[in-house]
Structure formats: structure tokens, C-alpha cells
Amino acid sequence: MKRILFVILSTILLFGNIKVKGQVEYDKYFTDNQLRIDYYLFGNADTVSYALDKLVKEPKWGGPRVQLVDEMNYGMYFFEVTLPDSDVVLYSHGYCLLFGEWQTTEEAQHINKGFHESVVMPFPKETVWVTFYAKDDHLKTSEMMQIVVDPNDYFIKPSPQLPYEIINIYGDYPVENAVDIVLLPDGYTEQEMGKFEKDCEFFVKSLFSYEPYSRYKDRFNVRAIKVPSQDSDITMPGDKLYRNTALSCSFWTFDSERYCMTYDNETMKTLAGQVPYDQIYILANTKKYGGGGIFNSYCVSTTGNSYSSDVIIHEFGHGFAGLADEYAYDGTDNYCLEVEPWEPNITTLVGFDCKWQDMIGKKTPVPTPVEKKYNNTVGVYEGAGYQKTGIYRPMIDCLMNTFNGKKFCPVCERAIERMIKHYTE
């Protein structure tokens, strides 16, 4: 895959602009509210431009209040919040975007497109700078856009109070000590809201059926917003079925039949902002198999398929913990083999000491052959991240590979546990 050339502002290396990152006193700099920054990305496979849309003040910040600075360095994008003319980072957050995935498609080689995106942060008490960054295939970092946020700016819009019922599905823990998940419905009519509630309960049951989530049940809140759609089921362009639904979810995203996502970011974020949240999960009312998950952006899963429970947990692995897919296809080259991928569960062995090297037994060969005797052994097995050669996964099987074993490997479990603690400690 070619290196993406970013054509805004200056390019900096990760080590080229030293920022001071440490413990930040939340109440000194932020209120209880949340700031949503809406913006656009325009471009193609080789270029991208950023443009600010608007700022929205939402009722409640749902993110961490202790670990405000993201030290994990996950994701292909991140943003930092600083005081003017200061190198002290008050808040930072890594994430991925649907636009970034689209840039790798064949379509992006031929046309330009625009995507609406958003980030959220605690609402500042004083003027701050918010700087947006993106990484290329070699994980070099470019500064893409910087905006000044004055909390007294009368152009910061208050979020609308929507007429939809909010229900508590699970947990009643303080938001600062919990992973807060908001469930949004797509393709449920007014008459199917009862089904949506049952599917929300199914989501919770599915989530806590797997380790390590079951060990941390007391660190989750799950809320749902009952938003009816005009039509039942969702859009399936490949079958020429087009439905009018609340969030416009659709199969055949990027012309991949089972990839089910939405381009309607603004509606999704406006609905989610009615409650405090760390993660957004859309439940799609259809029997067709599919879904999708983008790290620290949102996840989608269908609810009427026999594999729905596994899909829910697999996609949440992407969206919440930044886990990569561990399966492989012929002829794909999504990753640069000269650098260590940012995802915690795959490796090129370039920087393996920062991955799961500490979890491998002394007698386990590296790379590890795919043989029966290693079925339950943490090792380094070739084939992951959609590529059959050059990229390795921690175990022969895992929920990020197939649904056969119905469990996460120890490496993925550790990554999930680390993320839970990031939000709750």
C-alpha cells in the first residue's frame, strides 16, 4: 500500500516536537460538560484536507478523568489539547476513521470524497488549542489542523434535547469509574422498540459471556436511546433494497457485502451525545450476517443472526481495544512490513519487544509453526492483518481470527483489560 501524502500544514516526526505529558488535574482545566468537534475530511487515496464544521457543547463528559493523556499511541489519528503557547498536554486521544479505511480502496484511486467526522473532549474552562494529527503507513506523524477553542464563544452550539426515551440497560456506576457504552438502534420501527430493548439485553449478555469482560462487570454502564426508524431492517445495496432508517446503516460498505457501517456521522454523534459515553455501538435490526468496528469511533453489529453474539464481541474488540483482525487473505498488503503495527495483537517482529514477547515461553520457537502441539500456546504465528506473510498473530486461533474457539487469546485479553483500566482507574 502506498504512503499517503498529507497536504495540510507541516510534517513532524513523533520525536520532532517534544510535548510535556503527565498527570493533569481534571477540575482545574475542565467542566463536567463535553465538547464535540465536527469536521470534514476531503481527499482521495493520496491526499487529504481538513475543514472545521462546528463545535457543540454536550451535557456530560463520559470519558476518563484521571488518565487524560493517551499514552498507548493506538490508532492512525490523534488529537492533543494544550494551553496557548504551551507544550503541556491537557488531553489527548487516539482513534481511527472510516475515511482512512476508504483511502485504501480501489475507488479512492479514481475520485475525491468527503467524510463528516467528530471527536469529543472534556469541555475546557479556558481557551485551549486543539491540534489534529494523522499517521502515514510508516507511522510518521503529520499535523493536519489546529483550532482555537474559547469556551465563551457564542458560536459553540448547545446540543439539542431530543424527544427520545433513554433507558438504562446495565450498571449505575459513576461515569468516571466506568466504561460507558451507548447503544443506538437502526432499522427498528416504533412497533419494534420492545425488540430493541431485548436486543440491548442480548448485547449485555453477549459482552459478559467472554473474558476479560466478565471479570470487570462492575466497571461498565450500558445505556440505550430508543430512536425509531421509518422502515424495518436496513439498506442492502447489492440486493437493491433501500430503507429509510434512523442511522442509515448499510451493507456493502466499500463494496464489501458483509461490511455494515453508516456514513451519517452527525446523526450518530448527536444521538449518542444525549448521554455520557466512551463507546458507541449501533445494533442493526436484520438477520443478515455482518457488522464493523472502528477504533474509538463506533461499532455496528446485526442482531438477528446465529453468529450475532460473536460478531458483537469481535467488533467491540476493534472499536474498544484497537485489536486487529487476525485472519489473512491472498494478495493483500495492508501493512508496511518495515514498521511495527500499532495494534497490540499483531506484529511484524520489527519492534516485537513492545508487544507480547514477555508472554512467550523459552521453549516456544519464534516464529511458531502452526502445529497441533502449539494449539494452546502463545507464540508468533504467521498470517494476520489480512496478510498471509510477514505479519504474525499471538495464537493459532482467537475471536479476532475465527469464532471456533469462542474466546480471546491471552494477548487480546491483556489488551482489553488494559483499556478497561484506562477508562476506569
Protein backbone atom coordinates (compact mmCIF):
# COMPACT_ATOMS: atom_id res chain seq x y z
CA MET A 1 0.00 0.00 0.00
CA LYS A 2 1.43 3.38 -0.98
CA ARG A 3 2.34 6.02 1.53
CA ILE A 4 -0.43 8.61 1.94
CA LEU A 5 0.74 12.19 1.33
CA PHE A 6 -0.92 14.71 3.63
CA VAL A 7 -1.22 18.19 2.14
CA ILE A 8 -2.00 20.42 5.09
CA LEU A 9 0.36 22.23 7.44
CA SER A 10 3.78 20.90 8.38
CA THR A 11 5.01 17.33 8.74
CA ILE A 12 6.62 16.39 12.04
CA LEU A 13 8.16 13.18 13.31
CA LEU A 14 6.94 11.74 16.58
CA PHE A 15 10.19 12.80 18.20
CA GLY A 16 10.38 16.15 16.44
CA ASN A 17 8.20 18.24 18.77
CA ILE A 18 8.55 17.28 22.41
CA LYS A 19 5.38 17.66 24.45
CA VAL A 20 5.12 17.53 28.23
CA LYS A 21 2.79 14.69 29.18
CA GLY A 22 1.94 13.93 32.75
CA GLN A 23 -0.83 13.81 35.31
CA VAL A 24 -3.41 16.54 34.70
CA GLU A 25 -5.81 17.80 37.35
CA TYR A 26 -9.19 17.48 35.65
CA ASP A 27 -11.16 20.02 37.70
CA LYS A 28 -8.52 22.69 37.13
CA TYR A 29 -8.96 22.73 33.38
CA PHE A 30 -12.32 21.14 32.51
CA THR A 31 -16.02 21.27 33.38
CA ASP A 32 -18.46 18.35 33.56
CA ASN A 33 -19.66 19.03 30.02
CA GLN A 34 -18.40 17.52 26.77
CA LEU A 35 -17.17 19.37 23.68
CA ARG A 36 -17.81 17.77 20.29
CA ILE A 37 -15.73 18.99 17.38
CA ASP A 38 -17.27 18.23 13.99
CA TYR A 39 -15.06 18.42 10.93
CA TYR A 40 -14.71 17.20 7.36
CA LEU A 41 -12.02 15.23 5.56
CA PHE A 42 -11.80 15.60 1.79
CA GLY A 43 -9.46 13.70 -0.47
CA ASN A 44 -8.53 10.53 -2.29
CA ALA A 45 -6.00 7.71 -1.92
CA ASP A 46 -3.07 10.14 -1.93
CA THR A 47 -4.29 13.38 -0.39
CA VAL A 48 -6.47 14.69 2.42
CA SER A 49 -7.65 18.12 3.56
CA TYR A 50 -9.32 19.01 6.86
CA ALA A 51 -12.10 21.57 7.34
CA LEU A 52 -13.80 22.57 10.59
CA ASP A 53 -17.60 22.24 10.66
CA LYS A 54 -18.79 23.30 14.13
CA LEU A 55 -18.37 22.99 17.90
CA VAL A 56 -21.14 21.52 20.06
CA LYS A 57 -21.48 21.62 23.86
CA GLU A 58 -22.97 18.37 25.15
CA PRO A 59 -24.38 17.68 28.62
CA LYS A 60 -21.94 15.23 30.17
CA TRP A 61 -18.33 14.16 29.67
CA GLY A 62 -18.23 10.36 29.81
CA GLY A 63 -14.51 9.77 29.38
CA PRO A 64 -11.69 9.32 31.89
CA ARG A 65 -10.90 11.98 34.46
CA VAL A 66 -7.58 10.61 35.66
CA GLN A 67 -5.80 9.20 32.60
CA LEU A 68 -6.45 12.21 30.40
CA VAL A 69 -3.32 11.82 28.30
CA ASP A 70 -3.42 8.81 25.97
CA GLU A 71 -0.04 7.07 26.27
CA MET A 72 -0.96 4.00 24.21
CA ASN A 73 -0.31 5.59 20.82
CA TYR A 74 -3.06 3.49 19.22
CA GLY A 75 -4.84 4.47 16.03
CA MET A 76 -3.96 6.23 12.79
CA TYR A 77 -5.20 9.61 14.05
CA PHE A 78 -4.98 11.52 17.31
CA PHE A 79 -5.54 14.97 18.72
CA GLU A 80 -4.00 16.92 21.59
CA VAL A 81 -5.37 19.70 23.77
CA THR A 82 -2.91 22.29 25.07
CA LEU A 83 -2.98 25.75 26.55
CA PRO A 84 -1.99 28.52 24.07
CA ASP A 85 1.78 28.70 23.54
CA SER A 86 2.28 25.75 25.90
CA ASP A 87 3.76 22.29 25.39
CA VAL A 88 1.81 20.84 28.32
CA VAL A 89 -0.76 18.34 27.02
CA LEU A 90 -4.05 18.54 28.94
CA TYR A 91 -5.84 15.82 26.99
CA SER A 92 -5.08 13.54 24.05
CA HIS A 93 -6.89 10.72 22.30
CA GLY A 94 -6.08 8.23 19.52
CA TYR A 95 -8.61 6.87 17.06
CA CYS A 96 -9.28 5.56 13.55
CA LEU A 97 -11.69 6.78 10.88
CA LEU A 98 -13.90 5.37 8.14
CA PHE A 99 -12.22 7.87 5.80
CA GLY A 100 -8.83 6.27 6.46
CA GLU A 101 -10.20 2.87 5.50
CA TRP A 102 -11.78 4.30 2.36
CA GLN A 103 -8.39 5.70 1.27
CA THR A 104 -7.14 2.11 0.85
CA THR A 105 -9.95 1.16 -1.56
CA GLU A 106 -9.83 0.99 -5.34
CA GLU A 107 -12.47 3.71 -5.54
CA ALA A 108 -10.17 6.17 -3.76
CA GLN A 109 -7.67 5.80 -6.60
CA HIS A 110 -10.09 7.46 -9.00
CA ILE A 111 -12.29 10.02 -7.22
CA ASN A 112 -12.36 12.51 -4.36
CA LYS A 113 -14.81 12.12 -1.50
CA GLY A 114 -15.73 13.95 1.69
CA PHE A 115 -16.47 12.40 5.09
CA HIS A 116 -18.01 14.01 8.17
CA GLU A 117 -16.19 13.07 11.38
CA SER A 118 -16.13 14.09 15.05
CA VAL A 119 -14.01 13.94 18.17
CA VAL A 120 -15.08 14.61 21.74
CA MET A 121 -13.16 16.01 24.72
CA PRO A 122 -13.94 17.42 28.15
CA PHE A 123 -15.25 20.98 27.89
CA PRO A 124 -12.45 23.45 28.75
CA LYS A 125 -12.66 26.19 31.38
CA GLU A 126 -10.30 28.45 29.46
CA THR A 127 -9.09 28.92 25.89
CA VAL A 128 -7.19 25.90 24.52
CA TRP A 129 -5.59 24.79 21.30
CA VAL A 130 -6.76 21.54 19.74
CA THR A 131 -4.30 20.05 17.26
CA PHE A 132 -5.18 17.18 14.92
CA TYR A 133 -2.58 14.69 13.66
CA ALA A 134 -2.55 11.76 11.24
CA LYS A 135 -0.06 8.95 10.61
CA ASP A 136 1.13 7.56 7.30
CA ASP A 137 1.87 3.90 6.53
CA HIS A 138 5.27 4.23 8.22
CA LEU A 139 3.53 5.70 11.29
CA LYS A 140 5.19 9.05 10.79
CA THR A 141 3.01 11.85 12.10
CA SER A 142 1.71 14.95 10.30
CA GLU A 143 -0.01 17.93 11.89
CA MET A 144 -3.24 18.37 9.95
CA MET A 145 -5.26 21.13 11.58
CA GLN A 146 -5.18 23.32 14.66
CA ILE A 147 -8.14 25.23 16.08
CA VAL A 148 -8.55 27.64 18.98
CA VAL A 149 -11.41 26.84 21.36
CA ASP A 150 -12.70 29.68 23.52
CA PRO A 151 -15.29 28.23 25.94
CA ASN A 152 -17.12 31.59 25.93
CA ASP A 153 -17.51 31.63 22.15
CA TYR A 154 -21.22 32.12 21.46
CA PHE A 155 -20.88 30.13 18.24
CA ILE A 156 -20.43 26.93 20.26
CA LYS A 157 -23.86 25.37 19.85
CA PRO A 158 -25.64 23.60 22.71
CA SER A 159 -26.65 20.07 21.79
CA PRO A 160 -30.36 19.67 21.05
CA GLN A 161 -32.63 17.98 23.57
CA LEU A 162 -34.14 15.16 21.58
CA PRO A 163 -37.55 13.59 22.33
CA TYR A 164 -36.29 10.01 22.54
CA GLU A 165 -36.51 7.83 25.63
CA ILE A 166 -33.22 6.95 27.31
CA ILE A 167 -33.12 3.64 29.16
CA ASN A 168 -30.54 2.16 31.47
CA ILE A 169 -29.70 -1.37 30.33
CA TYR A 170 -26.90 -2.27 32.74
CA GLY A 171 -24.91 -0.67 35.56
CA ASP A 172 -25.32 2.51 37.54
CA TYR A 173 -21.70 3.29 38.31
CA PRO A 174 -20.09 6.76 38.34
CA VAL A 175 -19.14 7.63 34.75
CA GLU A 176 -15.57 8.48 35.77
CA ASN A 177 -15.11 4.92 37.06
CA ALA A 178 -16.85 3.05 34.26
CA VAL A 179 -16.70 2.23 30.58
CA ASP A 180 -19.87 3.90 29.33
CA ILE A 181 -21.45 2.30 26.24
CA VAL A 182 -24.37 3.86 24.40
CA LEU A 183 -26.48 1.56 22.21
CA LEU A 184 -28.26 3.08 19.21
CA PRO A 185 -30.91 1.30 17.11
CA ASP A 186 -31.08 1.22 13.33
CA GLY A 187 -33.89 -0.40 11.38
CA TYR A 188 -36.27 -0.73 14.35
CA THR A 189 -39.69 0.81 13.79
CA GLU A 190 -41.76 2.34 16.59
CA GLN A 191 -43.55 -1.01 16.91
CA GLU A 192 -40.17 -2.78 17.28
CA MET A 193 -38.81 -0.76 20.19
CA GLY A 194 -39.62 -3.66 22.51
CA LYS A 195 -37.44 -5.87 20.32
CA PHE A 196 -34.68 -3.27 20.51
CA GLU A 197 -34.75 -3.42 24.33
CA LYS A 198 -34.45 -7.20 24.22
CA ASP A 199 -31.56 -6.91 21.75
CA CYS A 200 -29.85 -4.49 24.15
CA GLU A 201 -30.16 -7.08 26.88
CA PHE A 202 -28.74 -9.63 24.44
CA PHE A 203 -25.79 -7.28 23.84
CA VAL A 204 -25.03 -7.13 27.58
CA LYS A 205 -25.38 -10.90 27.95
CA SER A 206 -23.03 -11.39 24.99
CA LEU A 207 -20.46 -8.92 26.31
CA PHE A 208 -20.22 -10.54 29.72
CA SER A 209 -20.11 -14.05 28.29
CA TYR A 210 -16.45 -13.51 27.41
CA GLU A 211 -13.31 -12.87 29.41
CA PRO A 212 -11.98 -10.45 30.44
CA TYR A 213 -15.27 -8.51 30.34
CA SER A 214 -16.95 -10.89 32.76
CA ARG A 215 -14.23 -10.16 35.36
CA TYR A 216 -14.93 -6.44 35.12
CA LYS A 217 -18.73 -6.39 35.07
CA ASP A 218 -18.73 -3.75 37.81
CA ARG A 219 -16.89 -1.29 35.55
CA PHE A 220 -19.47 -0.94 32.78
CA ASN A 221 -22.57 1.14 32.20
CA VAL A 222 -24.77 0.44 29.19
CA ARG A 223 -27.47 2.92 28.15
CA ALA A 224 -29.73 2.89 25.11
CA ILE A 225 -31.63 5.56 23.19
CA LYS A 226 -34.93 4.48 21.65
CA VAL A 227 -34.85 6.06 18.21
CA PRO A 228 -37.42 4.57 15.79
CA SER A 229 -36.85 4.14 12.07
CA GLN A 230 -39.48 4.57 9.39
CA ASP A 231 -38.59 1.20 7.86
CA SER A 232 -37.73 -2.13 9.43
CA ASP A 233 -34.39 -3.76 8.54
CA ILE A 234 -31.53 -1.82 6.89
CA THR A 235 -30.23 -0.95 3.43
CA MET A 236 -28.67 -3.65 1.24
CA PRO A 237 -27.49 -2.00 -2.00
CA GLY A 238 -26.25 -5.26 -3.52
CA ASP A 239 -29.79 -6.61 -3.30
CA LYS A 240 -31.30 -3.26 -4.37
CA LEU A 241 -33.06 -2.89 -1.02
CA TYR A 242 -33.03 0.72 0.21
CA ARG A 243 -34.58 1.53 3.57
CA ASN A 244 -35.27 4.74 5.46
CA THR A 245 -33.68 4.19 8.85
CA ALA A 246 -32.59 6.37 11.75
CA LEU A 247 -28.83 5.96 11.21
CA SER A 248 -28.68 4.92 7.54
CA CYS A 249 -26.59 1.80 8.17
CA SER A 250 -25.84 -0.18 5.04
CA PHE A 251 -24.21 -3.42 3.97
CA TRP A 252 -21.78 -3.35 1.05
CA THR A 253 -19.75 -0.56 2.67
CA PHE A 254 -16.78 -0.04 0.33
CA ASP A 255 -18.46 -2.69 -1.85
CA SER A 256 -17.77 -5.38 0.75
CA GLU A 257 -21.01 -7.30 1.24
CA ARG A 258 -20.76 -8.07 4.96
CA TYR A 259 -19.23 -4.73 5.94
CA CYS A 260 -22.10 -2.82 7.55
CA MET A 261 -21.46 0.81 8.55
CA THR A 262 -23.00 4.29 8.35
CA TYR A 263 -21.80 7.49 6.71
CA ASP A 264 -24.22 9.59 8.78
CA ASN A 265 -21.72 10.58 11.46
CA GLU A 266 -23.55 13.74 12.57
CA THR A 267 -26.82 11.98 13.36
CA MET A 268 -24.97 9.21 15.19
CA LYS A 269 -22.91 11.61 17.33
CA THR A 270 -25.88 13.88 18.06
CA LEU A 271 -27.89 10.92 19.33
CA ALA A 272 -25.00 9.49 21.34
CA GLY A 273 -24.35 12.86 22.96
CA GLN A 274 -27.64 12.67 24.84
CA VAL A 275 -25.82 10.51 27.40
CA PRO A 276 -22.23 10.22 28.65
CA TYR A 277 -20.34 7.69 26.55
CA ASP A 278 -16.93 6.20 25.86
CA GLN A 279 -18.08 3.86 23.09
CA ILE A 280 -20.90 3.96 20.54
CA TYR A 281 -22.46 0.69 19.40
CA ILE A 282 -25.19 0.52 16.75
CA LEU A 283 -27.49 -2.50 16.76
CA ALA A 284 -28.85 -3.15 13.27
CA ASN A 285 -32.19 -4.92 13.07
CA THR A 286 -31.57 -7.52 10.39
CA LYS A 287 -30.97 -11.25 10.06
CA LYS A 288 -28.10 -10.80 7.62
CA TYR A 289 -24.61 -11.61 8.94
CA GLY A 290 -22.27 -8.65 9.25
CA GLY A 291 -21.04 -5.60 11.08
CA GLY A 292 -17.97 -3.45 11.54
CA GLY A 293 -15.86 -1.70 14.14
CA ILE A 294 -13.51 1.29 14.01
CA PHE A 295 -11.21 2.04 16.93
CA ASN A 296 -12.60 4.78 19.19
CA SER A 297 -15.14 5.72 16.52
CA TYR A 298 -18.11 3.32 16.56
CA CYS A 299 -19.20 -0.29 16.03
CA VAL A 300 -22.12 -1.93 14.23
CA SER A 301 -23.49 -5.44 14.58
CA THR A 302 -26.60 -7.14 13.28
CA THR A 303 -28.82 -8.75 15.88
CA GLY A 304 -30.84 -11.43 14.11
CA ASN A 305 -28.10 -13.83 13.04
CA SER A 306 -26.97 -17.01 14.82
CA TYR A 307 -23.45 -15.52 14.99
CA SER A 308 -24.60 -12.16 16.37
CA SER A 309 -23.11 -12.73 19.82
CA ASP A 310 -19.69 -13.48 18.35
CA VAL A 311 -19.91 -10.56 15.93
CA ILE A 312 -20.79 -8.20 18.77
CA ILE A 313 -17.74 -9.17 20.77
CA HIS A 314 -15.40 -9.30 17.75
CA GLU A 315 -16.36 -5.82 16.53
CA PHE A 316 -16.11 -4.41 20.05
CA GLY A 317 -12.57 -5.76 20.09
CA HIS A 318 -11.84 -3.42 17.17
CA GLY A 319 -13.77 -0.42 18.45
CA PHE A 320 -12.83 -0.54 22.12
CA ALA A 321 -9.42 -2.19 22.40
CA GLY A 322 -7.90 -1.45 19.00
CA LEU A 323 -7.48 -5.14 18.19
CA ALA A 324 -6.63 -6.09 14.61
CA ASP A 325 -8.22 -8.86 12.59
CA GLU A 326 -6.01 -11.94 12.79
CA TYR A 327 -7.17 -13.66 9.61
CA ALA A 328 -5.49 -13.39 6.22
CA TYR A 329 -6.32 -13.40 2.51
CA ASP A 330 -4.32 -13.99 -0.64
CA GLY A 331 -2.89 -10.94 -2.36
CA THR A 332 -3.38 -8.29 0.34
CA ASP A 333 -0.74 -5.85 1.58
CA ASN A 334 -2.46 -3.52 4.03
CA TYR A 335 0.55 -3.15 6.34
CA CYS A 336 4.08 -1.88 5.83
CA LEU A 337 6.40 -4.70 6.91
CA GLU A 338 9.18 -2.24 7.77
CA VAL A 339 7.42 -0.92 10.88
CA GLU A 340 5.68 -2.42 13.89
CA PRO A 341 1.87 -2.11 13.58
CA TRP A 342 0.17 -0.04 16.28
CA GLU A 343 -2.42 -2.74 17.04
CA PRO A 344 -1.50 -4.73 20.18
CA ASN A 345 -2.26 -8.22 18.79
CA ILE A 346 -0.27 -8.33 15.55
CA THR A 347 3.43 -7.89 14.84
CA THR A 348 5.95 -7.68 12.00
CA LEU A 349 8.67 -8.55 14.56
CA VAL A 350 10.30 -5.17 13.88
CA GLY A 351 9.51 -3.97 17.40
CA PHE A 352 8.27 -7.16 18.98
CA ASP A 353 9.73 -6.34 22.41
CA CYS A 354 6.87 -3.87 22.91
CA LYS A 355 4.20 -6.45 22.07
CA TRP A 356 3.76 -9.90 23.72
CA GLN A 357 7.35 -11.11 23.78
CA ASP A 358 7.14 -11.31 27.59
CA MET A 359 4.29 -13.86 27.30
CA ILE A 360 6.18 -16.42 25.21
CA GLY A 361 7.77 -19.44 26.87
CA LYS A 362 11.52 -20.02 26.49
CA LYS A 363 10.98 -23.25 24.56
CA THR A 364 8.49 -21.76 22.09
CA PRO A 365 10.12 -21.06 18.72
CA VAL A 366 9.73 -17.63 17.12
CA PRO A 367 8.14 -17.66 14.57
CA THR A 368 5.99 -20.54 15.78
CA PRO A 369 4.83 -23.29 13.40
CA VAL A 370 1.09 -23.86 13.10
CA GLU A 371 1.10 -27.37 14.58
CA LYS A 372 -1.32 -29.20 16.84
CA LYS A 373 1.12 -29.25 19.77
CA TYR A 374 1.00 -25.43 19.86
CA ASN A 375 -2.79 -25.14 19.75
CA ASN A 376 -2.96 -23.56 23.22
CA THR A 377 0.42 -21.86 23.19
CA VAL A 378 1.12 -18.15 22.95
CA GLY A 379 3.62 -17.76 20.15
CA VAL A 380 4.18 -15.93 16.88
CA TYR A 381 2.11 -17.46 14.07
CA GLU A 382 2.39 -16.14 10.52
CA GLY A 383 -0.73 -14.76 8.88
CA ALA A 384 -2.66 -11.80 10.33
CA GLY A 385 -3.93 -8.35 9.46
CA TYR A 386 -5.33 -9.77 6.17
CA GLN A 387 -1.79 -10.70 5.03
CA LYS A 388 -0.55 -14.28 4.77
CA THR A 389 3.14 -13.47 5.08
CA GLY A 390 5.22 -11.06 7.12
CA ILE A 391 2.66 -10.37 9.86
CA TYR A 392 2.10 -12.59 12.89
CA ARG A 393 -0.63 -13.27 15.44
CA PRO A 394 -0.31 -14.48 19.08
CA MET A 395 -2.15 -17.84 18.86
CA ILE A 396 -3.35 -20.26 16.23
CA ASP A 397 -6.92 -19.18 16.93
CA CYS A 398 -8.73 -16.38 18.77
CA LEU A 399 -12.01 -14.47 18.49
CA MET A 400 -10.15 -11.92 16.39
CA ASN A 401 -9.43 -14.75 13.91
CA THR A 402 -12.36 -17.18 13.86
CA PHE A 403 -15.36 -17.92 16.09
CA ASN A 404 -14.38 -21.58 16.52
CA GLY A 405 -12.85 -21.28 19.98
CA LYS A 406 -15.25 -18.59 21.23
CA LYS A 407 -12.61 -16.91 23.38
CA PHE A 408 -9.88 -14.32 23.22
CA CYS A 409 -6.24 -15.34 23.39
CA PRO A 410 -4.23 -14.14 26.44
CA VAL A 411 -2.65 -11.33 24.40
CA CYS A 412 -6.02 -9.90 23.37
CA GLU A 413 -7.35 -10.36 26.89
CA ARG A 414 -4.47 -8.32 28.26
CA ALA A 415 -5.06 -5.57 25.70
CA ILE A 416 -8.77 -5.39 26.58
CA GLU A 417 -8.01 -5.36 30.30
CA ARG A 418 -5.54 -2.53 29.81
CA MET A 419 -8.18 -0.47 28.02
CA ILE A 420 -10.77 -1.11 30.71
CA LYS A 421 -8.33 0.18 33.32
CA HIS A 422 -7.50 3.21 31.17
CA TYR A 423 -11.10 4.35 31.39
CA THR A 424 -11.82 3.34 34.98
CA GLU A 425 -8.69 3.91 37.06
